[in-house]
Amino acid sequence: MYTVELEETKLVGLALKEKTTNVNEQSSIDCGNLWQEFEKGKYAEMIPNKLTEEILAVYHQYEGDHTQPFSYFIGCKVKPGTEVPAGLETLTIAKGTYQRIDAKGKMPDCVANAWKEIWVSDIPRSYKMDFEVYDEKSKDWNDAEVEVYLSVES
């Protein structure tokens, strides 16, 4: 776990239509459904001007802490000025200070477990934008590694 300064990043992808919540694990259902739609629709292939093959899952527009509603977005990093294809949306990850945590193990349990640890930690979260990075290291679901970035007070 360490702190990094990140520059603003533009994404193109899919957003949940409504906010979700961690109450009764509703976010697991909603976010899982959005992932299925993203994968099934091959949206990553439709995104133009990608900077990398990474897929980012972003938690944003928090109404408070992790117990309150939030928005969710899945997309890829794109070059500034990229036109957004029909049916997709854009989101900008804000420049700022982030705490990086690496989730390792069997998917999706390793990510869920990382979040459970984050929720009880004393990390000075700002609840602006948090995101997960899925790349080559997360392809093997039996031995995955996912980078989790938390927006923190600087």
Protein backbone atom coordinates (compact mmCIF):
# COMPACT_ATOMS: atom_id res chain seq x y z
CA MET A 1 0.00 0.00 0.00
CA TYR A 2 1.44 3.35 -1.00
CA THR A 3 0.41 6.86 -2.02
CA VAL A 4 0.67 8.14 -5.62
CA GLU A 5 -0.13 11.40 -7.41
CA LEU A 6 -2.15 10.78 -10.57
CA GLU A 7 -2.93 13.05 -13.48
CA GLU A 8 -6.43 13.55 -14.87
CA THR A 9 -7.54 10.62 -17.04
CA LYS A 10 -10.41 10.51 -19.52
CA LEU A 11 -12.39 7.27 -19.86
CA VAL A 12 -15.03 6.05 -22.29
CA GLY A 13 -17.32 3.20 -21.28
CA LEU A 14 -20.59 2.24 -19.59
CA ALA A 15 -22.20 3.69 -16.48
CA LEU A 16 -24.80 2.28 -14.14
CA LYS A 17 -28.10 4.00 -14.91
CA GLU A 18 -28.76 4.68 -11.22
CA LYS A 19 -26.62 4.82 -8.09
CA THR A 20 -26.08 1.64 -6.13
CA THR A 21 -25.30 0.88 -2.49
CA ASN A 22 -23.34 -1.65 -0.45
CA VAL A 23 -26.45 -2.27 1.71
CA ASN A 24 -27.47 -5.95 1.42
CA GLU A 25 -24.65 -6.37 -1.14
CA GLN A 26 -26.77 -4.61 -3.78
CA SER A 27 -23.65 -3.14 -5.39
CA SER A 28 -22.27 -6.65 -6.02
CA ILE A 29 -25.38 -7.41 -8.06
CA ASP A 30 -25.53 -4.06 -9.88
CA CYS A 31 -21.81 -3.82 -10.62
CA GLY A 32 -21.69 -7.50 -11.63
CA ASN A 33 -24.56 -6.93 -14.07
CA LEU A 34 -22.77 -3.93 -15.59
CA TRP A 35 -19.62 -6.05 -16.02
CA GLN A 36 -21.65 -8.73 -17.79
CA GLU A 37 -23.16 -6.12 -20.12
CA PHE A 38 -19.70 -4.60 -20.77
CA GLU A 39 -18.19 -8.01 -21.58
CA LYS A 40 -21.14 -9.41 -23.53
CA GLY A 41 -21.47 -6.26 -25.64
CA LYS A 42 -17.71 -6.25 -26.32
CA TYR A 43 -17.69 -2.55 -25.42
CA ALA A 44 -13.92 -2.47 -24.83
CA GLU A 45 -13.49 -3.26 -28.56
CA MET A 46 -15.80 -0.36 -29.54
CA ILE A 47 -13.85 2.30 -27.63
CA PRO A 48 -11.66 4.38 -29.99
CA ASN A 49 -8.23 5.92 -29.26
CA LYS A 50 -7.49 3.71 -26.25
CA LEU A 51 -4.25 4.52 -24.49
CA THR A 52 -3.93 1.00 -23.03
CA GLU A 53 -5.84 -2.28 -22.97
CA GLU A 54 -6.62 -1.79 -19.27
CA ILE A 55 -10.22 -1.71 -18.11
CA LEU A 56 -11.02 0.55 -15.18
CA ALA A 57 -13.97 0.23 -12.81
CA VAL A 58 -14.68 3.56 -11.11
CA TYR A 59 -16.69 4.31 -7.96
CA HIS A 60 -17.68 7.98 -7.82
CA GLN A 61 -20.34 10.54 -6.86
CA TYR A 62 -20.39 9.19 -3.32
CA GLU A 63 -23.20 10.57 -1.16
CA GLY A 64 -21.07 10.03 1.93
CA ASP A 65 -18.91 7.10 3.01
CA HIS A 66 -18.99 3.50 1.73
CA THR A 67 -22.38 2.90 3.39
CA GLN A 68 -24.06 5.55 1.21
CA PRO A 69 -25.14 5.42 -2.47
CA PHE A 70 -22.54 5.89 -5.22
CA SER A 71 -22.18 5.76 -9.00
CA TYR A 72 -20.25 3.09 -10.92
CA PHE A 73 -18.56 3.21 -14.33
CA ILE A 74 -16.54 0.71 -16.41
CA GLY A 75 -14.33 1.94 -19.23
CA CYS A 76 -10.96 2.39 -20.87
CA LYS A 77 -8.44 5.26 -20.88
CA VAL A 78 -8.63 7.31 -24.08
CA LYS A 79 -6.74 10.19 -25.67
CA PRO A 80 -8.08 13.67 -24.85
CA GLY A 81 -10.61 14.85 -27.42
CA THR A 82 -11.80 11.34 -28.25
CA GLU A 83 -15.32 11.29 -29.64
CA VAL A 84 -17.66 9.12 -27.59
CA PRO A 85 -19.43 6.43 -29.67
CA ALA A 86 -23.22 6.18 -29.49
CA GLY A 87 -24.37 4.15 -26.50
CA LEU A 88 -21.25 4.90 -24.47
CA GLU A 89 -20.44 7.62 -21.96
CA THR A 90 -17.38 9.45 -20.74
CA LEU A 91 -15.96 9.98 -17.26
CA THR A 92 -12.87 11.86 -16.12
CA ILE A 93 -10.85 10.58 -13.19
CA ALA A 94 -9.69 13.66 -11.31
CA LYS A 95 -6.05 14.56 -10.80
CA GLY A 96 -5.14 13.95 -7.18
CA THR A 97 -3.65 11.87 -4.41
CA TYR A 98 -4.54 8.18 -4.35
CA GLN A 99 -3.67 5.27 -2.09
CA ARG A 100 -2.84 2.13 -4.08
CA ILE A 101 -3.67 -1.31 -2.75
CA ASP A 102 -3.01 -4.54 -4.66
CA ALA A 103 -5.72 -7.19 -4.44
CA LYS A 104 -4.27 -10.65 -5.14
CA GLY A 105 -5.81 -14.09 -5.38
CA LYS A 106 -8.86 -15.76 -6.84
CA MET A 107 -11.34 -13.50 -8.64
CA PRO A 108 -13.68 -11.92 -7.77
CA ASP A 109 -13.10 -12.79 -4.11
CA CYS A 110 -9.72 -11.03 -3.91
CA VAL A 111 -11.31 -7.70 -4.93
CA ALA A 112 -14.30 -8.14 -2.62
CA ASN A 113 -11.98 -8.99 0.27
CA ALA A 114 -9.77 -5.97 -0.46
CA TRP A 115 -12.82 -3.69 -0.25
CA LYS A 116 -13.92 -5.28 3.04
CA GLU A 117 -10.48 -4.51 4.47
CA ILE A 118 -10.57 -0.96 3.07
CA TRP A 119 -13.96 -0.30 4.69
CA VAL A 120 -12.61 -1.08 8.18
CA SER A 121 -9.21 0.56 7.65
CA ASP A 122 -8.09 3.97 8.86
CA ILE A 123 -7.12 5.14 5.36
CA PRO A 124 -8.01 8.89 5.15
CA ARG A 125 -10.37 8.47 2.19
CA SER A 126 -11.86 11.53 0.52
CA TYR A 127 -14.67 9.57 -1.21
CA LYS A 128 -14.20 11.48 -4.47
CA MET A 129 -13.24 8.74 -6.92
CA ASP A 130 -11.91 5.25 -6.36
CA PHE A 131 -11.08 2.78 -9.09
CA GLU A 132 -9.79 -0.68 -9.94
CA VAL A 133 -7.43 -1.44 -12.82
CA TYR A 134 -7.87 -4.70 -14.72
CA ASP A 135 -5.01 -5.64 -17.06
CA GLU A 136 -2.86 -8.64 -18.00
CA LYS A 137 -2.24 -9.40 -14.30
CA SER A 138 -5.95 -9.95 -13.72
CA LYS A 139 -6.67 -12.27 -16.67
CA ASP A 140 -6.03 -15.52 -14.73
CA TRP A 141 -9.02 -15.63 -12.38
CA ASN A 142 -7.35 -18.27 -10.21
CA ASP A 143 -4.29 -16.07 -9.57
CA ALA A 144 -5.27 -12.47 -10.31
CA GLU A 145 -3.82 -9.14 -9.30
CA VAL A 146 -5.97 -5.99 -9.40
CA GLU A 147 -4.74 -2.50 -8.51
CA VAL A 148 -7.22 -0.57 -6.35
CA TYR A 149 -6.81 3.22 -6.11
CA LEU A 150 -8.54 5.19 -3.36
CA SER A 151 -8.86 8.96 -3.44
CA VAL A 152 -7.39 10.22 -0.19
CA GLU A 153 -7.01 13.50 1.65
CA SER A 154 -3.73 15.11 0.57
